[in-house]
Amino acid sequence: MNKHLLVSKIKSVNKAYFFWLFGFQYFYLGKIGTQIIYFLTLGGFGLWTLIDLFTLSGRVKKINAAIYDQIEGIEYKEKNDDLARNIALIQASKNN
């Protein structure tokens, strides 16, 4: 996956709480099925809404941590590819 696309998927805690005010926090976090259940149960009869008030920032951080791990993996692969390319160029120049 493209590193720039992943960076654009990083979520903001402030935006998540803004969407929480209107009941759309799960859409923002990309959990559409959960959002539909949230709507059908009227916010878990108010219980989900109250729980989300305290757990939403942790959920955003968890989603962002997974994205950061993917970005780190891409950067690691790019670094290794650059290193292999440089080694190949050095070996090619020594053979000439």
C-alpha atoms as a PDB file:
ATOM      1  CA  MET A   1       0.000   0.000   0.000  1.00  0.00           C
ATOM      2  CA  ASN A   2       1.148   3.525  -0.686  1.00  0.00           C
ATOM      3  CA  LYS A   3       2.702   5.308   2.295  1.00  0.00           C
ATOM      4  CA  HIS A   4       1.007   8.598   1.422  1.00  0.00           C
ATOM      5  CA  LEU A   5      -2.392   6.904   1.280  1.00  0.00           C
ATOM      6  CA  LEU A   6      -1.796   5.460   4.740  1.00  0.00           C
ATOM      7  CA  VAL A   7      -0.792   8.871   6.109  1.00  0.00           C
ATOM      8  CA  SER A   8      -4.073  10.277   4.808  1.00  0.00           C
ATOM      9  CA  LYS A   9      -5.971   7.592   6.773  1.00  0.00           C
ATOM     10  CA  ILE A  10      -4.589   8.713  10.153  1.00  0.00           C
ATOM     11  CA  LYS A  11      -7.473   9.736  12.414  1.00  0.00           C
ATOM     12  CA  SER A  12      -7.776  12.752  14.699  1.00  0.00           C
ATOM     13  CA  VAL A  13      -9.072  12.385  18.253  1.00  0.00           C
ATOM     14  CA  ASN A  14     -10.665  15.842  18.043  1.00  0.00           C
ATOM     15  CA  LYS A  15     -12.571  14.942  14.886  1.00  0.00           C
ATOM     16  CA  ALA A  16     -13.664  11.660  16.444  1.00  0.00           C
ATOM     17  CA  TYR A  17     -15.175  13.491  19.404  1.00  0.00           C
ATOM     18  CA  PHE A  18     -16.806  15.996  17.044  1.00  0.00           C
ATOM     19  CA  PHE A  19     -18.471  13.104  15.207  1.00  0.00           C
ATOM     20  CA  TRP A  20     -19.338  11.549  18.583  1.00  0.00           C
ATOM     21  CA  LEU A  21     -21.457  14.599  19.363  1.00  0.00           C
ATOM     22  CA  PHE A  22     -23.668  13.723  16.396  1.00  0.00           C
ATOM     23  CA  GLY A  23     -23.411   9.930  16.721  1.00  0.00           C
ATOM     24  CA  PHE A  24     -21.240   9.318  13.662  1.00  0.00           C
ATOM     25  CA  GLN A  25     -17.978   8.302  15.367  1.00  0.00           C
ATOM     26  CA  TYR A  26     -17.966   4.753  14.006  1.00  0.00           C
ATOM     27  CA  PHE A  27     -18.371   5.954  10.430  1.00  0.00           C
ATOM     28  CA  TYR A  28     -15.347   8.182  10.987  1.00  0.00           C
ATOM     29  CA  LEU A  29     -13.365   5.239  12.330  1.00  0.00           C
ATOM     30  CA  GLY A  30     -14.349   3.107   9.346  1.00  0.00           C
ATOM     31  CA  LYS A  31     -16.567   0.710  11.293  1.00  0.00           C
ATOM     32  CA  ILE A  32     -19.723   0.909   9.219  1.00  0.00           C
ATOM     33  CA  GLY A  33     -21.360  -2.269  10.551  1.00  0.00           C
ATOM     34  CA  THR A  34     -20.891  -1.097  14.111  1.00  0.00           C
ATOM     35  CA  GLN A  35     -22.321   2.301  13.183  1.00  0.00           C
ATOM     36  CA  ILE A  36     -25.455   0.718  11.744  1.00  0.00           C
ATOM     37  CA  ILE A  37     -25.958  -1.316  14.927  1.00  0.00           C
ATOM     38  CA  TYR A  38     -25.284   1.853  16.922  1.00  0.00           C
ATOM     39  CA  PHE A  39     -28.083   3.623  15.038  1.00  0.00           C
ATOM     40  CA  LEU A  40     -30.507   0.701  15.283  1.00  0.00           C
ATOM     41  CA  THR A  41     -30.041   0.458  19.063  1.00  0.00           C
ATOM     42  CA  LEU A  42     -30.102   4.244  19.539  1.00  0.00           C
ATOM     43  CA  GLY A  43     -26.520   4.340  20.744  1.00  0.00           C
ATOM     44  CA  GLY A  44     -26.811   1.094  22.650  1.00  0.00           C
ATOM     45  CA  PHE A  45     -29.728   2.661  24.535  1.00  0.00           C
ATOM     46  CA  GLY A  46     -27.361   5.424  25.619  1.00  0.00           C
ATOM     47  CA  LEU A  47     -24.854   3.026  27.142  1.00  0.00           C
ATOM     48  CA  TRP A  48     -22.535   2.943  24.090  1.00  0.00           C
ATOM     49  CA  THR A  49     -22.648   6.710  23.945  1.00  0.00           C
ATOM     50  CA  LEU A  50     -21.488   6.996  27.537  1.00  0.00           C
ATOM     51  CA  ILE A  51     -18.798   4.327  27.105  1.00  0.00           C
ATOM     52  CA  ASP A  52     -17.552   5.982  23.910  1.00  0.00           C
ATOM     53  CA  LEU A  53     -17.088   9.231  25.784  1.00  0.00           C
ATOM     54  CA  PHE A  54     -14.281   7.579  27.754  1.00  0.00           C
ATOM     55  CA  THR A  55     -12.921   5.048  25.237  1.00  0.00           C
ATOM     56  CA  LEU A  56     -13.008   6.903  21.934  1.00  0.00           C
ATOM     57  CA  SER A  57      -9.502   8.361  22.180  1.00  0.00           C
ATOM     58  CA  GLY A  58      -8.099   4.888  22.874  1.00  0.00           C
ATOM     59  CA  ARG A  59      -9.861   3.494  19.816  1.00  0.00           C
ATOM     60  CA  VAL A  60      -8.437   6.260  17.638  1.00  0.00           C
ATOM     61  CA  LYS A  61      -4.950   5.607  19.013  1.00  0.00           C
ATOM     62  CA  LYS A  62      -5.324   1.879  18.331  1.00  0.00           C
ATOM     63  CA  ILE A  63      -6.357   2.501  14.722  1.00  0.00           C
ATOM     64  CA  ASN A  64      -3.521   4.986  14.262  1.00  0.00           C
ATOM     65  CA  ALA A  65      -0.997   2.551  15.789  1.00  0.00           C
ATOM     66  CA  ALA A  66      -1.921  -0.049  13.163  1.00  0.00           C
ATOM     67  CA  ILE A  67      -1.463   2.559  10.424  1.00  0.00           C
ATOM     68  CA  TYR A  68       1.887   3.670  11.864  1.00  0.00           C
ATOM     69  CA  ASP A  69       3.043   0.030  11.939  1.00  0.00           C
ATOM     70  CA  GLN A  70       2.197  -0.334   8.249  1.00  0.00           C
ATOM     71  CA  ILE A  71       4.023   2.902   7.428  1.00  0.00           C
ATOM     72  CA  GLU A  72       7.042   1.732   9.416  1.00  0.00           C
ATOM     73  CA  GLY A  73       7.052  -1.551   7.486  1.00  0.00           C
ATOM     74  CA  ILE A  74       6.952   0.296   4.164  1.00  0.00           C
ATOM     75  CA  GLU A  75       9.787   2.606   5.233  1.00  0.00           C
ATOM     76  CA  TYR A  76      11.847  -0.381   6.404  1.00  0.00           C
ATOM     77  CA  LYS A  77      11.340  -2.117   3.043  1.00  0.00           C
ATOM     78  CA  GLU A  78      12.224   1.077   1.142  1.00  0.00           C
ATOM     79  CA  LYS A  79      15.389   1.471   3.214  1.00  0.00           C
ATOM     80  CA  ASN A  80      16.423  -2.128   2.557  1.00  0.00           C
ATOM     81  CA  ASP A  81      15.683  -1.766  -1.160  1.00  0.00           C
ATOM     82  CA  ASP A  82      17.821   1.387  -1.315  1.00  0.00           C
ATOM     83  CA  LEU A  83      20.634  -0.354   0.541  1.00  0.00           C
ATOM     84  CA  ALA A  84      20.502  -3.360  -1.818  1.00  0.00           C
ATOM     85  CA  ARG A  85      20.496  -1.040  -4.834  1.00  0.00           C
ATOM     86  CA  ASN A  86      23.516   0.868  -3.508  1.00  0.00           C
ATOM     87  CA  ILE A  87      25.409  -2.362  -2.820  1.00  0.00           C
ATOM     88  CA  ALA A  88      24.643  -3.581  -6.336  1.00  0.00           C
ATOM     89  CA  LEU A  89      25.905  -0.284  -7.807  1.00  0.00           C
ATOM     90  CA  ILE A  90      29.126  -0.476  -5.782  1.00  0.00           C
ATOM     91  CA  GLN A  91      29.736  -4.066  -6.849  1.00  0.00           C
ATOM     92  CA  ALA A  92      29.013  -3.192 -10.479  1.00  0.00           C
ATOM     93  CA  SER A  93      31.444  -0.278 -10.381  1.00  0.00           C
ATOM     94  CA  LYS A  94      34.172  -2.491  -8.869  1.00  0.00           C
ATOM     95  CA  ASN A  95      33.750  -5.061 -11.660  1.00  0.00           C
ATOM     96  CA  ASN A  96      34.326  -2.394 -14.348  1.00  0.00           C
END
